[in-house]
Amino acid sequence: MLSSSHRNNWNLKASVRELQRRCMNMCEERDALDLMLEKRENRIKSADLEQEEFQKTFQEKEMALQQKLGQLEQDWRAKLERVMEERSEQEQRVKQEIQALLLKLFKTEQLHQTQICDYEVKYRDSLKLVSELQRQIKEPEVRV
């Protein structure tokens, strides 16, 4: 009976050692799984931070592009306005030059018309004079 108890005791101790070994293995496995879980959580947190940083950078760049686009649009509109003003000024100058040229042409035409009239009068007077001279030249011949 003593030897049976002793064997049971020894079997129980062996079972306890086996259970302790299994418990230690399970604890090591749990620690490894906890470490893997912690690493995974850290990667997730890191990915979340990277995504937030990316989103923030993206929004900043988008705002910067919108501001630059707005500034470029303002610059373009200002340049377009200046060009339109310059064009309007040039059109006014061209209109004034055309009016001045038309006025000069009109005055020149009037002057030429006046000169033509004067020349016509002088030409008629010259014709009359020539006629008169021809008549006078013929007349003395007739008297003779």
N, C-alpha and C. Protein backbone atom coordinates (compact mmCIF):
# COMPACT_ATOMS: atom_id res chain seq x y z
N MET A 1 0.82 -1.17 0.00
CA MET A 1 0.00 0.00 0.00
C MET A 1 0.88 1.24 0.00
N LEU A 2 1.93 1.14 0.74
CA LEU A 2 2.86 2.26 0.80
C LEU A 2 3.50 2.44 -0.58
N SER A 3 3.83 1.37 -1.19
CA SER A 3 4.47 1.49 -2.48
C SER A 3 3.46 1.98 -3.51
N SER A 4 2.21 1.61 -3.38
CA SER A 4 1.18 2.09 -4.27
C SER A 4 0.97 3.59 -4.07
N SER A 5 0.98 4.05 -2.88
CA SER A 5 0.84 5.47 -2.58
C SER A 5 2.05 6.22 -3.12
N HIS A 6 3.20 5.55 -2.93
CA HIS A 6 4.42 6.19 -3.38
C HIS A 6 4.37 6.36 -4.91
N ARG A 7 3.89 5.32 -5.63
CA ARG A 7 3.77 5.39 -7.09
C ARG A 7 2.74 6.44 -7.49
N ASN A 8 1.66 6.47 -6.79
CA ASN A 8 0.62 7.48 -7.09
C ASN A 8 1.19 8.88 -6.86
N ASN A 9 1.93 8.99 -5.80
CA ASN A 9 2.55 10.27 -5.47
C ASN A 9 3.54 10.65 -6.56
N TRP A 10 4.32 9.64 -6.96
CA TRP A 10 5.31 9.92 -7.99
C TRP A 10 4.60 10.25 -9.30
N ASN A 11 3.53 9.55 -9.64
CA ASN A 11 2.73 9.82 -10.85
C ASN A 11 2.10 11.21 -10.79
N LEU A 12 1.63 11.53 -9.60
CA LEU A 12 1.03 12.86 -9.44
C LEU A 12 2.09 13.95 -9.64
N LYS A 13 3.29 13.72 -9.10
CA LYS A 13 4.37 14.70 -9.25
C LYS A 13 4.74 14.82 -10.73
N ALA A 14 4.78 13.68 -11.42
CA ALA A 14 5.11 13.69 -12.84
C ALA A 14 4.03 14.46 -13.61
N SER A 15 2.77 14.23 -13.22
CA SER A 15 1.67 14.94 -13.88
C SER A 15 1.78 16.44 -13.62
N VAL A 16 2.15 16.77 -12.38
CA VAL A 16 2.29 18.18 -12.01
C VAL A 16 3.41 18.80 -12.84
N ARG A 17 4.55 18.09 -12.97
CA ARG A 17 5.66 18.61 -13.76
C ARG A 17 5.23 18.79 -15.22
N GLU A 18 4.50 17.79 -15.74
CA GLU A 18 4.02 17.88 -17.13
C GLU A 18 3.07 19.07 -17.28
N LEU A 19 2.19 19.25 -16.33
CA LEU A 19 1.25 20.37 -16.39
C LEU A 19 1.98 21.71 -16.25
N GLN A 20 3.02 21.72 -15.38
CA GLN A 20 3.80 22.96 -15.24
C GLN A 20 4.54 23.27 -16.54
N ARG A 21 5.11 22.20 -17.16
CA ARG A 21 5.80 22.39 -18.44
C ARG A 21 4.82 22.90 -19.49
N ARG A 22 3.64 22.33 -19.57
CA ARG A 22 2.62 22.77 -20.52
C ARG A 22 2.19 24.20 -20.22
N CYS A 23 2.06 24.47 -18.93
CA CYS A 23 1.67 25.84 -18.50
C CYS A 23 2.74 26.82 -18.94
N MET A 24 4.03 26.46 -18.77
CA MET A 24 5.11 27.36 -19.17
C MET A 24 5.11 27.54 -20.70
N ASN A 25 4.91 26.44 -21.41
CA ASN A 25 4.85 26.53 -22.88
C ASN A 25 3.69 27.44 -23.29
N MET A 26 2.56 27.26 -22.64
CA MET A 26 1.39 28.09 -22.96
C MET A 26 1.66 29.55 -22.61
N CYS A 27 2.34 29.79 -21.49
CA CYS A 27 2.69 31.17 -21.11
C CYS A 27 3.65 31.78 -22.13
N GLU A 28 4.64 30.99 -22.57
CA GLU A 28 5.57 31.48 -23.58
C GLU A 28 4.83 31.77 -24.89
N GLU A 29 3.94 30.85 -25.25
CA GLU A 29 3.14 31.04 -26.47
C GLU A 29 2.24 32.27 -26.33
N ARG A 30 1.62 32.44 -25.13
CA ARG A 30 0.80 33.63 -24.88
C ARG A 30 1.63 34.89 -24.97
N ASP A 31 2.85 34.88 -24.39
CA ASP A 31 3.74 36.04 -24.45
C ASP A 31 4.13 36.35 -25.90
N ALA A 32 4.40 35.28 -26.68
CA ALA A 32 4.74 35.48 -28.09
C ALA A 32 3.54 36.08 -28.83
N LEU A 33 2.35 35.54 -28.55
CA LEU A 33 1.14 36.07 -29.20
C LEU A 33 0.87 37.51 -28.75
N ASP A 34 1.10 37.80 -27.47
CA ASP A 34 0.94 39.18 -26.99
C ASP A 34 1.91 40.11 -27.70
N LEU A 35 3.15 39.64 -27.88
CA LEU A 35 4.15 40.45 -28.57
C LEU A 35 3.75 40.66 -30.03
N MET A 36 3.27 39.60 -30.68
CA MET A 36 2.81 39.74 -32.07
C MET A 36 1.63 40.70 -32.14
N LEU A 37 0.70 40.58 -31.18
CA LEU A 37 -0.46 41.46 -31.15
C LEU A 37 -0.03 42.91 -30.94
N GLU A 38 0.90 43.11 -30.05
CA GLU A 38 1.40 44.46 -29.78
C GLU A 38 2.08 45.04 -31.03
N LYS A 39 2.89 44.20 -31.71
CA LYS A 39 3.54 44.66 -32.94
C LYS A 39 2.50 45.02 -34.00
N ARG A 40 1.47 44.16 -34.11
CA ARG A 40 0.42 44.42 -35.09
C ARG A 40 -0.33 45.71 -34.74
N GLU A 41 -0.63 45.90 -33.46
CA GLU A 41 -1.31 47.14 -33.04
C GLU A 41 -0.43 48.35 -33.32
N ASN A 42 0.88 48.20 -33.08
CA ASN A 42 1.80 49.31 -33.36
C ASN A 42 1.85 49.61 -34.86
N ARG A 43 1.84 48.54 -35.69
CA ARG A 43 1.83 48.76 -37.14
C ARG A 43 0.54 49.45 -37.57
N ILE A 44 -0.58 49.03 -36.96
CA ILE A 44 -1.86 49.65 -37.28
C ILE A 44 -1.85 51.12 -36.87
N LYS A 45 -1.35 51.40 -35.66
CA LYS A 45 -1.26 52.79 -35.19
C LYS A 45 -0.34 53.58 -36.11
N SER A 46 0.80 52.97 -36.48
CA SER A 46 1.74 53.64 -37.37
C SER A 46 1.09 53.91 -38.73
N ALA A 47 0.35 52.93 -39.24
CA ALA A 47 -0.34 53.12 -40.52
C ALA A 47 -1.41 54.20 -40.39
N ASP A 48 -2.13 54.22 -39.28
CA ASP A 48 -3.13 55.26 -39.05
C ASP A 48 -2.47 56.64 -38.99
N LEU A 49 -1.34 56.73 -38.29
CA LEU A 49 -0.62 58.01 -38.22
C LEU A 49 -0.13 58.42 -39.60
N GLU A 50 0.41 57.46 -40.36
CA GLU A 50 0.87 57.77 -41.71
C GLU A 50 -0.29 58.24 -42.58
N GLN A 51 -1.45 57.57 -42.43
CA GLN A 51 -2.62 57.96 -43.22
C GLN A 51 -3.08 59.36 -42.82
N GLU A 52 -3.09 59.64 -41.51
CA GLU A 52 -3.47 60.99 -41.06
C GLU A 52 -2.49 62.02 -41.58
N GLU A 53 -1.20 61.71 -41.51
CA GLU A 53 -0.17 62.63 -42.00
C GLU A 53 -0.32 62.84 -43.50
N PHE A 54 -0.56 61.74 -44.22
CA PHE A 54 -0.77 61.83 -45.66
C PHE A 54 -1.99 62.70 -45.95
N GLN A 55 -3.08 62.46 -45.23
CA GLN A 55 -4.31 63.23 -45.43
C GLN A 55 -4.05 64.71 -45.15
N LYS A 56 -3.34 64.98 -44.06
CA LYS A 56 -3.02 66.37 -43.70
C LYS A 56 -2.16 67.01 -44.79
N THR A 57 -1.12 66.30 -45.24
CA THR A 57 -0.25 66.81 -46.29
C THR A 57 -1.02 67.03 -47.58
N PHE A 58 -1.90 66.06 -47.90
CA PHE A 58 -2.72 66.18 -49.10
C PHE A 58 -3.60 67.42 -49.02
N GLN A 59 -4.24 67.63 -47.88
CA GLN A 59 -5.11 68.80 -47.72
C GLN A 59 -4.31 70.09 -47.80
N GLU A 60 -3.12 70.10 -47.20
CA GLU A 60 -2.28 71.30 -47.26
C GLU A 60 -1.88 71.60 -48.70
N LYS A 61 -1.48 70.55 -49.42
CA LYS A 61 -1.08 70.74 -50.82
C LYS A 61 -2.27 71.16 -51.67
N GLU A 62 -3.43 70.59 -51.39
CA GLU A 62 -4.63 70.96 -52.13
C GLU A 62 -4.97 72.43 -51.89
N MET A 63 -4.86 72.86 -50.62
CA MET A 63 -5.13 74.27 -50.31
C MET A 63 -4.10 75.17 -50.99
N ALA A 64 -2.83 74.75 -50.96
CA ALA A 64 -1.78 75.54 -51.61
C ALA A 64 -2.05 75.65 -53.11
N LEU A 65 -2.45 74.53 -53.73
CA LEU A 65 -2.76 74.56 -55.16
C LEU A 65 -3.97 75.45 -55.45
N GLN A 66 -4.98 75.39 -54.59
CA GLN A 66 -6.15 76.24 -54.79
C GLN A 66 -5.77 77.71 -54.66
N GLN A 67 -4.92 78.03 -53.68
CA GLN A 67 -4.47 79.41 -53.53
C GLN A 67 -3.66 79.85 -54.74
N LYS A 68 -2.76 78.97 -55.20
CA LYS A 68 -1.94 79.30 -56.37
C LYS A 68 -2.83 79.48 -57.59
N LEU A 69 -3.80 78.59 -57.74
CA LEU A 69 -4.74 78.70 -58.85
C LEU A 69 -5.52 80.00 -58.77
N GLY A 70 -5.97 80.35 -57.57
CA GLY A 70 -6.68 81.62 -57.39
C GLY A 70 -5.80 82.80 -57.74
N GLN A 71 -4.55 82.76 -57.31
CA GLN A 71 -3.62 83.85 -57.61
C GLN A 71 -3.35 83.94 -59.10
N LEU A 72 -3.16 82.77 -59.73
CA LEU A 72 -2.93 82.77 -61.18
C LEU A 72 -4.15 83.31 -61.92
N GLU A 73 -5.34 82.97 -61.45
CA GLU A 73 -6.56 83.48 -62.08
C GLU A 73 -6.65 84.99 -61.92
N GLN A 74 -6.32 85.50 -60.73
CA GLN A 74 -6.33 86.95 -60.51
C GLN A 74 -5.30 87.62 -61.42
N ASP A 75 -4.09 87.05 -61.49
CA ASP A 75 -3.05 87.62 -62.36
C ASP A 75 -3.52 87.62 -63.81
N TRP A 76 -4.10 86.51 -64.24
CA TRP A 76 -4.58 86.40 -65.61
C TRP A 76 -5.66 87.44 -65.89
N ARG A 77 -6.59 87.58 -64.96
CA ARG A 77 -7.66 88.57 -65.15
C ARG A 77 -7.09 89.99 -65.20
N ALA A 78 -6.11 90.28 -64.34
CA ALA A 78 -5.49 91.61 -64.35
C ALA A 78 -4.77 91.85 -65.68
N LYS A 79 -4.04 90.85 -66.16
CA LYS A 79 -3.35 91.00 -67.45
C LYS A 79 -4.36 91.17 -68.58
N LEU A 80 -5.42 90.39 -68.53
CA LEU A 80 -6.44 90.49 -69.56
C LEU A 80 -7.08 91.88 -69.55
N GLU A 81 -7.33 92.40 -68.36
CA GLU A 81 -7.91 93.74 -68.24
C GLU A 81 -6.96 94.79 -68.80
N ARG A 82 -5.66 94.65 -68.48
CA ARG A 82 -4.67 95.61 -69.01
C ARG A 82 -4.62 95.53 -70.54
N VAL A 83 -4.63 94.32 -71.06
CA VAL A 83 -4.58 94.16 -72.52
C VAL A 83 -5.83 94.77 -73.16
N MET A 84 -6.99 94.54 -72.54
CA MET A 84 -8.22 95.11 -73.07
C MET A 84 -8.18 96.64 -73.03
N GLU A 85 -7.64 97.20 -71.93
CA GLU A 85 -7.51 98.65 -71.83
C GLU A 85 -6.56 99.18 -72.90
N GLU A 86 -5.42 98.49 -73.07
CA GLU A 86 -4.45 98.91 -74.08
C GLU A 86 -5.08 98.83 -75.47
N ARG A 87 -5.83 97.77 -75.71
CA ARG A 87 -6.50 97.61 -77.01
C ARG A 87 -7.50 98.74 -77.23
N SER A 88 -8.24 99.07 -76.18
CA SER A 88 -9.22 100.15 -76.30
C SER A 88 -8.51 101.48 -76.58
N GLU A 89 -7.40 101.70 -75.88
CA GLU A 89 -6.64 102.93 -76.11
C GLU A 89 -6.10 102.96 -77.53
N GLN A 90 -5.59 101.82 -78.01
CA GLN A 90 -5.08 101.76 -79.38
C GLN A 90 -6.20 102.00 -80.39
N GLU A 91 -7.37 101.43 -80.13
CA GLU A 91 -8.51 101.65 -81.02
C GLU A 91 -8.86 103.14 -81.06
N GLN A 92 -8.84 103.80 -79.90
CA GLN A 92 -9.14 105.22 -79.85
C GLN A 92 -8.10 106.01 -80.65
N ARG A 93 -6.82 105.65 -80.47
CA ARG A 93 -5.77 106.35 -81.22
C ARG A 93 -5.94 106.13 -82.72
N VAL A 94 -6.24 104.90 -83.11
CA VAL A 94 -6.42 104.61 -84.53
C VAL A 94 -7.62 105.38 -85.06
N LYS A 95 -8.71 105.42 -84.30
CA LYS A 95 -9.89 106.18 -84.73
C LYS A 95 -9.54 107.67 -84.89
N GLN A 96 -8.79 108.21 -83.93
CA GLN A 96 -8.39 109.61 -84.02
C GLN A 96 -7.50 109.84 -85.24
N GLU A 97 -6.56 108.92 -85.48
CA GLU A 97 -5.68 109.05 -86.64
C GLU A 97 -6.50 108.98 -87.93
N ILE A 98 -7.46 108.05 -87.98
CA ILE A 98 -8.31 107.93 -89.17
C ILE A 98 -9.13 109.21 -89.37
N GLN A 99 -9.68 109.74 -88.28
CA GLN A 99 -10.45 110.99 -88.39
C GLN A 99 -9.56 112.12 -88.86
N ALA A 100 -8.34 112.18 -88.32
CA ALA A 100 -7.41 113.23 -88.74
C ALA A 100 -7.07 113.07 -90.21
N LEU A 101 -6.83 111.83 -90.64
CA LEU A 101 -6.51 111.59 -92.05
C LEU A 101 -7.70 111.91 -92.94
N LEU A 102 -8.90 111.54 -92.50
CA LEU A 102 -10.10 111.87 -93.29
C LEU A 102 -10.28 113.38 -93.40
N LEU A 103 -10.06 114.07 -92.29
CA LEU A 103 -10.17 115.53 -92.32
C LEU A 103 -9.12 116.11 -93.26
N LYS A 104 -7.90 115.60 -93.17
CA LYS A 104 -6.83 116.08 -94.04
C LYS A 104 -7.18 115.77 -95.50
N LEU A 105 -7.70 114.57 -95.75
CA LEU A 105 -8.10 114.19 -97.09
C LEU A 105 -9.22 115.11 -97.59
N PHE A 106 -10.19 115.38 -96.74
CA PHE A 106 -11.29 116.27 -97.11
C PHE A 106 -10.78 117.66 -97.45
N LYS A 107 -9.88 118.18 -96.59
CA LYS A 107 -9.33 119.53 -96.85
C LYS A 107 -8.50 119.52 -98.13
N THR A 108 -7.72 118.44 -98.33
CA THR A 108 -6.91 118.35 -99.55
C THR A 108 -7.82 118.29 -100.77
N GLU A 109 -8.90 117.51 -100.66
CA GLU A 109 -9.85 117.41 -101.77
C GLU A 109 -10.50 118.76 -102.04
N GLN A 110 -10.86 119.48 -100.97
CA GLN A 110 -11.44 120.81 -101.15
C GLN A 110 -10.43 121.74 -101.82
N LEU A 111 -9.19 121.67 -101.37
CA LEU A 111 -8.14 122.50 -101.96
C LEU A 111 -7.97 122.16 -103.45
N HIS A 112 -7.95 120.86 -103.75
CA HIS A 112 -7.81 120.46 -105.15
C HIS A 112 -9.02 120.92 -105.98
N GLN A 113 -10.20 120.80 -105.42
CA GLN A 113 -11.40 121.27 -106.13
C GLN A 113 -11.30 122.78 -106.39
N THR A 114 -10.86 123.51 -105.37
CA THR A 114 -10.68 124.96 -105.52
C THR A 114 -9.64 125.24 -106.60
N GLN A 115 -8.53 124.50 -106.55
CA GLN A 115 -7.48 124.69 -107.54
C GLN A 115 -7.98 124.33 -108.95
N ILE A 116 -8.76 123.25 -109.03
CA ILE A 116 -9.32 122.85 -110.33
C ILE A 116 -10.23 123.95 -110.86
N CYS A 117 -11.07 124.46 -109.96
CA CYS A 117 -11.96 125.55 -110.38
C CYS A 117 -11.15 126.76 -110.83
N ASP A 118 -10.12 127.11 -110.07
CA ASP A 118 -9.27 128.23 -110.44
C ASP A 118 -8.60 127.98 -111.79
N TYR A 119 -8.09 126.74 -111.98
CA TYR A 119 -7.45 126.41 -113.25
C TYR A 119 -8.44 126.43 -114.40
N GLU A 120 -9.67 125.96 -114.11
CA GLU A 120 -10.71 126.00 -115.16
C GLU A 120 -11.01 127.45 -115.55
N VAL A 121 -11.13 128.32 -114.55
CA VAL A 121 -11.38 129.73 -114.83
C VAL A 121 -10.21 130.31 -115.62
N LYS A 122 -8.99 130.02 -115.19
CA LYS A 122 -7.81 130.53 -115.89
C LYS A 122 -7.73 129.95 -117.30
N TYR A 123 -8.10 128.63 -117.41
CA TYR A 123 -8.08 128.01 -118.72
C TYR A 123 -9.10 128.68 -119.65
N ARG A 124 -10.31 128.93 -119.13
CA ARG A 124 -11.33 129.61 -119.94
C ARG A 124 -10.85 131.02 -120.31
N ASP A 125 -10.27 131.69 -119.29
CA ASP A 125 -9.74 133.03 -119.58
C ASP A 125 -8.65 132.97 -120.64
N SER A 126 -7.80 131.92 -120.53
CA SER A 126 -6.73 131.76 -121.52
C SER A 126 -7.31 131.48 -122.89
N LEU A 127 -8.36 130.64 -122.93
CA LEU A 127 -9.01 130.35 -124.21
C LEU A 127 -9.62 131.62 -124.80
N LYS A 128 -10.24 132.41 -123.94
CA LYS A 128 -10.82 133.68 -124.41
C LYS A 128 -9.72 134.58 -124.94
N LEU A 129 -8.63 134.62 -124.20
CA LEU A 129 -7.51 135.47 -124.60
C LEU A 129 -6.93 134.99 -125.93
N VAL A 130 -6.76 133.66 -126.04
CA VAL A 130 -6.25 133.10 -127.28
C VAL A 130 -7.22 133.41 -128.41
N SER A 131 -8.48 133.26 -128.16
CA SER A 131 -9.50 133.57 -129.17
C SER A 131 -9.43 135.03 -129.56
N GLU A 132 -9.31 135.85 -128.55
CA GLU A 132 -9.24 137.29 -128.80
C GLU A 132 -7.99 137.62 -129.60
N LEU A 133 -6.88 137.00 -129.23
CA LEU A 133 -5.64 137.24 -129.95
C LEU A 133 -5.74 136.74 -131.39
N GLN A 134 -6.32 135.58 -131.54
CA GLN A 134 -6.49 135.04 -132.90
C GLN A 134 -7.39 135.97 -133.71
N ARG A 135 -8.41 136.48 -133.09
CA ARG A 135 -9.31 137.40 -133.78
C ARG A 135 -8.57 138.68 -134.14
N GLN A 136 -7.78 139.16 -133.20
CA GLN A 136 -7.04 140.40 -133.46
C GLN A 136 -6.01 140.18 -134.56
N ILE A 137 -5.44 139.01 -134.55
CA ILE A 137 -4.45 138.73 -135.56
C ILE A 137 -5.15 138.65 -136.92
N LYS A 138 -6.27 138.11 -137.02
CA LYS A 138 -7.01 137.98 -138.26
C LYS A 138 -7.59 139.33 -138.68
N GLU A 139 -7.96 140.08 -137.77
CA GLU A 139 -8.57 141.37 -138.05
C GLU A 139 -7.60 142.32 -138.75
N PRO A 140 -6.39 142.50 -138.31
CA PRO A 140 -5.51 143.39 -139.04
C PRO A 140 -5.27 142.89 -140.45
N GLU A 141 -5.30 141.65 -140.66
CA GLU A 141 -5.10 141.13 -142.01
C GLU A 141 -6.27 141.54 -142.88
N VAL A 142 -7.39 141.53 -142.32
CA VAL A 142 -8.59 141.89 -143.04
C VAL A 142 -8.51 143.40 -143.37
N ARG A 143 -8.00 144.24 -142.56
CA ARG A 143 -7.92 145.66 -142.76
C ARG A 143 -6.91 145.99 -143.84
N VAL A 144 -6.00 145.23 -143.95
CA VAL A 144 -4.95 145.55 -144.89
C VAL A 144 -5.37 145.36 -146.27
